[in-house]
Protein backbone atom coordinates (compact mmCIF):
# COMPACT_ATOMS: atom_id res chain seq x y z
CA UNK A 1 -36.40 6.70 51.27
CA UNK A 2 -39.67 6.44 49.34
CA UNK A 3 -39.86 8.62 46.28
CA UNK A 4 -43.61 9.05 46.67
CA UNK A 5 -43.95 10.68 50.07
CA UNK A 6 -47.76 10.23 50.03
CA UNK A 7 -47.18 6.57 50.81
CA UNK A 8 -45.14 7.15 53.96
CA UNK A 9 -48.03 7.69 56.32
CA UNK A 10 -50.14 4.66 55.30
CA UNK A 11 -47.02 2.55 55.86
CA UNK A 12 -46.56 4.14 59.29
CA UNK A 13 -50.19 3.46 60.22
CA UNK A 14 -49.94 -0.24 59.41
CA UNK A 15 -46.67 -0.38 61.37
CA UNK A 16 -48.40 1.27 64.33
CA UNK A 17 -51.13 -1.38 64.23
CA UNK A 18 -48.53 -4.15 64.04
CA UNK A 19 -46.57 -2.62 66.92
CA UNK A 20 -49.71 -2.37 69.05
CA UNK A 21 -50.47 -6.05 68.56
CA UNK A 22 -46.87 -7.24 68.91
CA UNK A 23 -46.26 -5.40 72.20
CA UNK A 24 -49.83 -5.96 73.38
CA UNK A 25 -49.05 -9.64 73.94
CA UNK A 26 -46.82 -8.53 76.80
CA UNK A 27 -49.72 -6.63 78.38
CA UNK A 28 -52.57 -9.06 77.83
CA UNK A 29 -50.85 -11.92 79.66
CA UNK A 30 -50.37 -10.37 83.17
CA UNK A 31 -54.11 -9.73 83.84
CA UNK A 32 -54.85 -13.27 82.64
CA UNK A 33 -52.44 -14.88 85.12
CA UNK A 34 -54.89 -15.08 88.07
CA UNK A 35 -57.36 -16.95 85.89
CA UNK A 36 -54.67 -19.23 84.47
CA UNK A 37 -53.52 -19.94 88.02
CA UNK A 38 -57.00 -21.12 88.99
CA UNK A 39 -57.37 -23.23 85.87
CA UNK A 40 -53.94 -24.92 85.94
CA UNK A 41 -53.38 -24.72 89.74
CA UNK A 42 -50.16 -22.75 89.32
CA UNK A 43 -47.68 -21.34 91.82
CA UNK A 44 -46.10 -17.91 91.51
CA UNK A 45 -42.96 -19.46 90.04
CA UNK A 46 -45.05 -21.32 87.46
CA UNK A 47 -46.75 -18.11 86.37
CA UNK A 48 -43.45 -16.27 86.25
CA UNK A 49 -41.90 -19.02 84.16
CA UNK A 50 -44.73 -18.87 81.64
CA UNK A 51 -44.37 -15.13 81.11
CA UNK A 52 -40.57 -15.21 81.24
CA UNK A 53 -40.04 -17.85 78.56
CA UNK A 54 -42.31 -15.93 76.19
CA UNK A 55 -40.30 -12.73 76.66
CA UNK A 56 -36.90 -14.41 76.85
CA UNK A 57 -37.06 -16.24 73.54
CA UNK A 58 -38.26 -13.05 71.86
CA UNK A 59 -35.35 -11.05 73.29
CA UNK A 60 -32.39 -13.37 72.99
CA UNK A 61 -33.08 -14.28 69.35
CA UNK A 62 -33.29 -10.74 67.97
CA UNK A 63 -29.69 -10.81 66.76
CA UNK A 64 -30.00 -13.99 64.65
CA UNK A 65 -33.45 -12.89 63.43
CA UNK A 66 -31.92 -9.70 62.04
CA UNK A 67 -29.48 -11.73 59.93
CA UNK A 68 -32.34 -13.38 58.08
CA UNK A 69 -32.42 -10.29 55.85
CA UNK A 70 -29.47 -11.85 53.99
CA UNK A 71 -31.79 -14.54 52.66
CA UNK A 72 -35.19 -12.84 52.41
CA UNK A 73 -36.61 -9.29 52.46
CA UNK A 74 -36.69 -7.58 55.85
CA UNK A 75 -40.41 -6.82 55.46
CA UNK A 76 -41.12 -10.53 54.87
CA UNK A 77 -39.18 -11.56 57.98
CA UNK A 78 -40.98 -8.95 60.07
CA UNK A 79 -44.46 -9.97 58.90
CA UNK A 80 -43.65 -13.68 59.26
CA UNK A 81 -42.47 -13.11 62.83
CA UNK A 82 -45.74 -11.43 63.82
CA UNK A 83 -47.76 -14.21 62.19
CA UNK A 84 -45.59 -16.85 63.94
CA UNK A 85 -46.02 -15.34 67.43
CA UNK A 86 -49.77 -14.80 66.93
CA UNK A 87 -50.35 -18.33 65.68
CA UNK A 88 -48.27 -19.72 68.55
CA UNK A 89 -50.30 -17.87 71.19
CA UNK A 90 -53.54 -18.84 69.47
CA UNK A 91 -52.54 -22.50 69.79
CA UNK A 92 -51.37 -21.92 73.37
CA UNK A 93 -54.85 -20.67 74.28
CA UNK A 94 -56.17 -24.21 73.71
CA UNK A 95 -53.63 -25.82 76.08
CA UNK A 96 -55.07 -28.38 78.44
CA UNK A 97 -51.92 -28.66 80.57
CA UNK A 98 -49.37 -26.24 81.97
CA UNK A 99 -46.50 -28.05 80.22
CA UNK A 100 -48.16 -27.53 76.84
CA UNK A 101 -48.85 -23.89 77.63
CA UNK A 102 -45.23 -23.31 78.63
CA UNK A 103 -43.81 -25.02 75.55
CA UNK A 104 -46.09 -23.22 73.11
CA UNK A 105 -45.42 -19.82 74.71
CA UNK A 106 -41.66 -20.39 74.27
CA UNK A 107 -42.15 -21.30 70.60
CA UNK A 108 -44.47 -18.34 70.11
CA UNK A 109 -41.96 -15.93 71.63
CA UNK A 110 -39.49 -16.74 68.84
CA UNK A 111 -41.64 -14.76 66.43
CA UNK A 112 -41.35 -11.59 68.51
CA UNK A 113 -37.59 -11.54 67.92
CA UNK A 114 -37.98 -10.12 64.41
CA UNK A 115 -40.14 -7.08 65.08
CA UNK A 116 -38.15 -4.35 66.84
CA UNK A 117 -34.80 -4.39 64.99
CA UNK A 118 -36.41 -4.72 61.56
CA UNK A 119 -39.31 -2.29 62.06
CA UNK A 120 -37.16 0.71 63.02
CA UNK A 121 -34.67 -0.07 60.25
CA UNK A 122 -37.44 -0.09 57.65
CA UNK A 123 -39.02 3.10 59.00
CA UNK A 124 -35.65 4.85 58.86
CA UNK A 125 -35.56 4.17 55.13
CA UNK A 126 -39.17 5.18 54.56
CA UNK A 127 -38.92 8.55 56.33
CA UNK A 128 -35.29 9.61 56.26
CA UNK A 129 -33.62 11.82 58.89
CA UNK A 130 -35.87 14.88 58.55
CA UNK A 131 -39.01 13.10 59.74
CA UNK A 132 -37.61 10.09 61.57
CA UNK A 133 -38.17 11.51 65.07
CA UNK A 134 -41.91 12.02 64.66
CA UNK A 135 -42.26 8.75 62.75
CA UNK A 136 -40.61 6.79 65.57
CA UNK A 137 -42.71 8.70 68.11
CA UNK A 138 -45.94 7.74 66.34
CA UNK A 139 -44.72 4.17 65.91
CA UNK A 140 -44.11 3.98 69.66
CA UNK A 141 -47.57 5.41 70.30
CA UNK A 142 -48.87 2.36 68.46
CA UNK A 143 -47.15 0.24 71.09
CA UNK A 144 -48.79 2.36 73.80
CA UNK A 145 -52.21 1.77 72.28
CA UNK A 146 -51.60 -1.96 72.62
CA UNK A 147 -50.58 -1.51 76.25
CA UNK A 148 -53.92 0.16 76.99
CA UNK A 149 -56.20 -1.88 74.74
CA UNK A 150 -55.00 -5.37 75.68
CA UNK A 151 -55.76 -5.16 79.43
CA UNK A 152 -59.08 -3.41 78.63
CA UNK A 153 -60.05 -6.31 76.39
CA UNK A 154 -59.30 -8.72 79.23
CA UNK A 155 -61.46 -6.72 81.66
CA UNK A 156 -64.39 -6.64 79.24
CA UNK A 157 -64.37 -10.30 78.24
CA UNK A 158 -63.56 -12.06 81.50
CA UNK A 159 -66.89 -11.01 82.96
CA UNK A 160 -68.61 -13.66 80.83
CA UNK A 161 -65.87 -15.74 79.19
CA UNK A 162 -62.80 -17.76 80.14
CA UNK A 163 -59.18 -16.63 79.96
CA UNK A 164 -58.82 -18.29 76.57
CA UNK A 165 -61.02 -15.90 74.56
CA UNK A 166 -59.05 -12.65 75.08
CA UNK A 167 -55.85 -14.44 74.09
CA UNK A 168 -57.53 -15.93 71.04
CA UNK A 169 -58.97 -12.60 69.91
CA UNK A 170 -55.64 -10.83 70.34
CA UNK A 171 -53.93 -13.60 68.40
CA UNK A 172 -56.39 -13.11 65.54
CA UNK A 173 -55.55 -9.38 65.61
CA UNK A 174 -51.90 -10.36 65.27
CA UNK A 175 -52.53 -12.70 62.36
CA UNK A 176 -54.49 -10.00 60.50
CA UNK A 177 -51.80 -7.38 61.21
CA UNK A 178 -49.03 -9.69 60.02
CA UNK A 179 -50.89 -10.55 56.83
CA UNK A 180 -51.64 -6.86 56.28
CA UNK A 181 -47.97 -6.01 56.59
CA UNK A 182 -46.96 -8.74 54.17
CA UNK A 183 -49.51 -7.76 51.53
CA UNK A 184 -49.16 -3.97 51.76
CA UNK A 185 -45.36 -3.83 51.87
CA UNK A 186 -44.88 -6.07 48.84
CA UNK A 187 -45.29 -3.08 46.53
CA UNK A 188 -42.39 -1.25 48.25
CA UNK A 189 -39.85 -4.07 48.40
CA UNK A 190 -37.20 -2.23 46.41
CA UNK A 191 -37.33 0.96 48.50
CA UNK A 192 -37.50 -0.48 52.00
CA UNK A 193 -35.29 -3.57 51.75
CA UNK A 194 -31.52 -3.12 51.39
CA UNK A 195 -29.59 -5.14 48.84
CA UNK A 196 -27.53 -7.80 50.61
CA UNK A 197 -24.42 -9.33 49.11
CA UNK A 198 -21.92 -9.46 51.98
CA UNK A 199 -22.35 -10.92 55.46
CA UNK A 200 -21.35 -8.33 58.07
CA UNK A 201 -20.74 -8.39 61.78
CA UNK A 202 -22.64 -5.69 63.68
CA UNK A 203 -21.43 -2.17 62.98
CA UNK A 204 -19.64 -0.52 65.88
CA UNK A 205 -18.55 3.06 66.48
CA UNK A 206 -17.61 5.11 69.52
CA UNK A 207 -20.96 6.95 69.43
CA UNK A 208 -22.94 3.71 69.17
CA UNK A 209 -21.07 2.04 72.04
CA UNK A 210 -21.56 5.09 74.28
CA UNK A 211 -25.23 5.20 73.40
CA UNK A 212 -25.68 1.48 74.10
CA UNK A 213 -24.06 1.75 77.54
CA UNK A 214 -26.09 4.87 78.34
CA UNK A 215 -29.38 3.36 77.18
CA UNK A 216 -28.69 0.13 79.07
CA UNK A 217 -28.04 2.02 82.31
CA UNK A 218 -31.25 3.96 81.83
CA UNK A 219 -33.03 0.70 80.95
CA UNK A 220 -32.23 -0.63 84.42
CA UNK A 221 -33.74 2.49 86.01
CA UNK A 222 -36.75 2.52 83.74
CA UNK A 223 -37.46 -1.21 84.02
CA UNK A 224 -37.15 -1.16 87.80
CA UNK A 225 -39.30 1.91 88.34
CA UNK A 226 -42.01 0.86 85.92
CA UNK A 227 -42.24 -2.55 87.58
CA UNK A 228 -42.51 -1.20 91.13
CA UNK A 229 -44.25 2.20 90.88
CA UNK A 230 -47.74 0.87 91.62
CA UNK A 231 -46.42 -1.16 94.56
CA UNK A 232 -44.49 1.88 95.79
CA UNK A 233 -47.68 3.96 95.81
CA UNK A 234 -49.46 1.29 97.86
CA UNK A 235 -46.68 0.62 100.37
CA UNK A 236 -45.22 4.10 100.79
CA UNK A 237 -48.19 6.40 100.17
CA UNK A 238 -51.18 4.33 101.26
CA UNK A 239 -52.91 4.11 97.87
CA UNK A 240 -55.53 1.43 97.41
CA UNK A 241 -54.38 -1.09 94.79
CA UNK A 242 -57.18 0.00 92.44
CA UNK A 243 -56.20 3.65 92.79
CA UNK A 244 -52.53 2.84 92.27
CA UNK A 245 -53.42 0.97 89.09
CA UNK A 246 -55.44 3.96 87.83
CA UNK A 247 -52.56 6.35 88.55
CA UNK A 248 -50.16 3.99 86.80
CA UNK A 249 -52.44 4.03 83.78
CA UNK A 250 -52.49 7.85 83.84
CA UNK A 251 -48.70 7.87 83.87
CA UNK A 252 -48.49 5.51 80.89
CA UNK A 253 -51.17 7.46 79.01
CA UNK A 254 -49.21 10.70 79.33
CA UNK A 255 -46.27 8.98 77.66
CA UNK A 256 -48.49 7.64 74.89
CA UNK A 257 -49.82 11.13 74.11
CA UNK A 258 -46.45 12.91 74.22
CA UNK A 259 -44.27 10.54 72.20
CA UNK A 260 -45.12 12.06 68.80
CA UNK A 261 -44.55 15.59 70.12
CA UNK A 262 -41.13 14.70 71.51
CA UNK A 263 -40.26 13.11 68.18
CA UNK A 264 -41.39 16.22 66.30
CA UNK A 265 -39.28 18.37 68.67
CA UNK A 266 -36.22 16.31 67.74
CA UNK A 267 -36.93 16.86 64.05
CA UNK A 268 -37.52 20.60 64.46
CA UNK A 269 -34.29 21.05 66.40
CA UNK A 270 -32.39 18.94 63.90
CA UNK A 271 -30.67 17.23 66.83
CA UNK A 272 -31.47 14.29 69.09
CA UNK A 273 -29.05 14.62 72.00
CA UNK A 274 -30.57 17.66 73.79
CA UNK A 275 -33.98 15.99 73.99
CA UNK A 276 -32.44 12.67 75.09
CA UNK A 277 -30.30 14.28 77.79
CA UNK A 278 -33.22 16.36 79.07
CA UNK A 279 -35.39 13.24 79.16
CA UNK A 280 -32.88 11.31 81.27
CA UNK A 281 -32.43 14.22 83.69
CA UNK A 282 -36.14 15.00 84.08
CA UNK A 283 -36.94 11.31 84.54
CA UNK A 284 -34.26 10.99 87.22
CA UNK A 285 -35.54 14.05 89.06
CA UNK A 286 -39.11 12.72 88.80
CA UNK A 287 -38.10 9.39 90.34
CA UNK A 288 -36.33 11.27 93.12
CA UNK A 289 -39.45 13.37 93.74
CA UNK A 290 -41.68 10.29 93.88
CA UNK A 291 -39.35 8.78 96.47
CA UNK A 292 -39.11 11.98 98.54
CA UNK A 293 -42.53 13.66 98.38
CA UNK A 294 -44.83 13.01 101.32
CA UNK A 295 -47.86 15.00 100.10
CA UNK A 296 -50.01 12.65 98.06
CA UNK A 297 -51.48 15.34 95.78
CA UNK A 298 -48.01 16.52 94.79
CA UNK A 299 -47.12 13.04 93.53
CA UNK A 300 -49.16 13.47 90.37
CA UNK A 301 -46.72 16.04 88.96
CA UNK A 302 -43.60 13.81 88.95
CA UNK A 303 -45.70 10.81 87.93
CA UNK A 304 -46.95 12.60 84.82
CA UNK A 305 -43.44 13.87 84.07
CA UNK A 306 -42.10 10.34 84.48
CA UNK A 307 -44.79 9.14 82.09
CA UNK A 308 -43.86 11.77 79.51
CA UNK A 309 -40.10 11.37 79.72
CA UNK A 310 -39.68 7.89 81.20
CA UNK A 311 -42.30 6.14 79.06
CA UNK A 312 -42.69 8.58 76.17
CA UNK A 313 -38.97 9.28 75.88
CA UNK A 314 -38.20 5.56 75.71
CA UNK A 315 -37.55 4.43 72.17
CA UNK A 316 -37.31 7.95 70.80
CA UNK A 317 -33.71 7.96 71.93
CA UNK A 318 -33.20 5.17 69.42
CA UNK A 319 -33.39 7.71 66.60
CA UNK A 320 -29.93 8.84 67.68
CA UNK A 321 -28.67 5.27 67.57
CA UNK A 322 -30.26 4.49 64.19
CA UNK A 323 -28.53 7.44 62.57
CA UNK A 324 -25.09 6.32 63.77
CA UNK A 325 -25.43 3.06 61.78
CA UNK A 326 -24.97 2.84 57.99
CA UNK A 327 -28.29 2.16 56.30
CA UNK A 328 -27.12 -1.12 54.76
CA UNK A 329 -26.07 -2.56 58.12
CA UNK A 330 -28.93 -1.54 60.38
CA UNK A 331 -30.82 -4.83 60.65
CA UNK A 332 -27.95 -6.98 61.94
CA UNK A 333 -26.63 -4.19 64.19
CA UNK A 334 -30.01 -3.40 65.69
CA UNK A 335 -30.59 -7.09 66.33
CA UNK A 336 -27.55 -7.22 68.61
CA UNK A 337 -28.34 -3.84 70.18
CA UNK A 338 -31.89 -4.81 71.14
CA UNK A 339 -30.78 -8.23 72.37
CA UNK A 340 -28.23 -6.60 74.68
CA UNK A 341 -30.54 -3.83 75.89
CA UNK A 342 -33.63 -5.93 76.45
CA UNK A 343 -31.62 -8.66 78.14
CA UNK A 344 -30.26 -6.20 80.70
CA UNK A 345 -33.61 -4.45 81.13
CA UNK A 346 -35.31 -7.77 81.84
CA UNK A 347 -33.11 -8.17 84.93
CA UNK A 348 -34.14 -4.80 86.38
CA UNK A 349 -37.21 -5.92 88.37
CA UNK A 350 -35.18 -8.68 90.03
CA UNK A 351 -32.37 -6.23 90.87
CA UNK A 352 -34.79 -3.71 92.37
CA UNK A 353 -36.65 -6.38 94.31
CA UNK A 354 -33.46 -7.63 95.96
CA UNK A 355 -32.27 -4.08 96.59
CA UNK A 356 -35.60 -3.08 98.14
CA UNK A 357 -35.37 -5.91 100.65
CA UNK A 358 -31.91 -4.75 101.70
CA UNK A 359 -32.21 -0.94 101.80
CA UNK A 360 -36.03 -0.36 101.46
CA UNK A 361 -37.85 0.44 98.26
CA UNK A 362 -37.57 4.21 98.83
CA UNK A 363 -33.76 4.11 98.80
CA UNK A 364 -33.87 1.75 95.84
CA UNK A 365 -35.82 4.42 93.94
CA UNK A 366 -33.26 7.06 94.87
CA UNK A 367 -30.49 4.86 93.50
CA UNK A 368 -32.44 4.40 90.28
CA UNK A 369 -32.94 8.17 90.05
CA UNK A 370 -29.17 8.63 90.08
CA UNK A 371 -28.87 6.32 87.07
CA UNK A 372 -30.76 8.90 85.01
CA UNK A 373 -27.96 11.38 85.65
CA UNK A 374 -25.30 8.80 84.79
CA UNK A 375 -27.06 7.99 81.50
CA UNK A 376 -27.31 11.70 80.62
CA UNK A 377 -23.62 12.25 81.38
CA UNK A 378 -22.58 9.32 79.21
CA UNK A 379 -24.71 10.21 76.19
CA UNK A 380 -23.38 13.78 76.31
CA UNK A 381 -19.96 12.34 75.37
CA UNK A 382 -21.24 10.72 72.17
CA UNK A 383 -20.81 12.56 68.88
CA UNK A 384 -24.08 13.19 67.07
CA UNK A 385 -23.37 12.36 63.45
CA UNK A 386 -25.76 11.04 60.84
CA UNK A 387 -24.55 8.24 58.59
CA UNK A 388 -26.50 7.37 55.45
């Protein structure tokens, strides 16, 4: 933990900016797809492949990326990854063929593998257990800012410019954020980077395994619901697509606003599990209400609650996981944890799509709601114990 606490918050701010840009790539691409389709004459499978390879390479390589801390400082790996992904997408924006675009997006996605496991490990050393909850909450709010800003940038620029310019501008943001991280964190290398002498396999404990299973189960529910909520509002409640998109944005915004407060609540209580369990239960009940309510005006209540606890709660639960891992072994362990979790979560939309065709989307939502209860029950069995 930093000896000079005055430097904690500037470090957090630059991490928030980096997180916004890193995760914003995942939100700037979808609104660009219709324009890319017209330019490259793509099918739905072509567009899905482009987006999938970018996300897949960034997810599956998180475990090996975390082991790079044995050869270079964690802060250097993190900054280099953001610069790599930004430069890759900048080059991809000049693609004249779909094959080039696909190849460059896969190469660019490699850089994203370094961010999540290394960022939370570094922040855990900067803030320590007493302030980690609110620090992670604010860090996640940075991601939320990217989720809002990236699509807005697309909407503003595509009125007069091609699909290339928003991607290029966002890539420049990423390059600047990566360079800013590299330069600013150099003065704190000793405090934020662990000393590495021995190669370790990922750390495992009963509490960590229980958490990972619980979080993965909830990740299926969260990933499926977040992917299909707007469509559910259109098909089941007669919303216009534009209105459904606006409501979806309201739901995400509520999570963005409440993340720091949930993190601060964890710190004030001195415990993580009660907030995590409550979040799973409230999210499950909210999904159930969305599936069961017939009055349109009543839908806004569970949608906001789902935003607060389904979106805002996500990631904050990781504070529990971080504190079950010895400080010197967090990078390599978190690399495997995020690879496993994100890999399973990526399958959720496909699972829900197939399930919806078999039992209707309403019953699929009810099944996902039950997963919130299962996740809460599992995490309740994990011992909450902080390991330095």
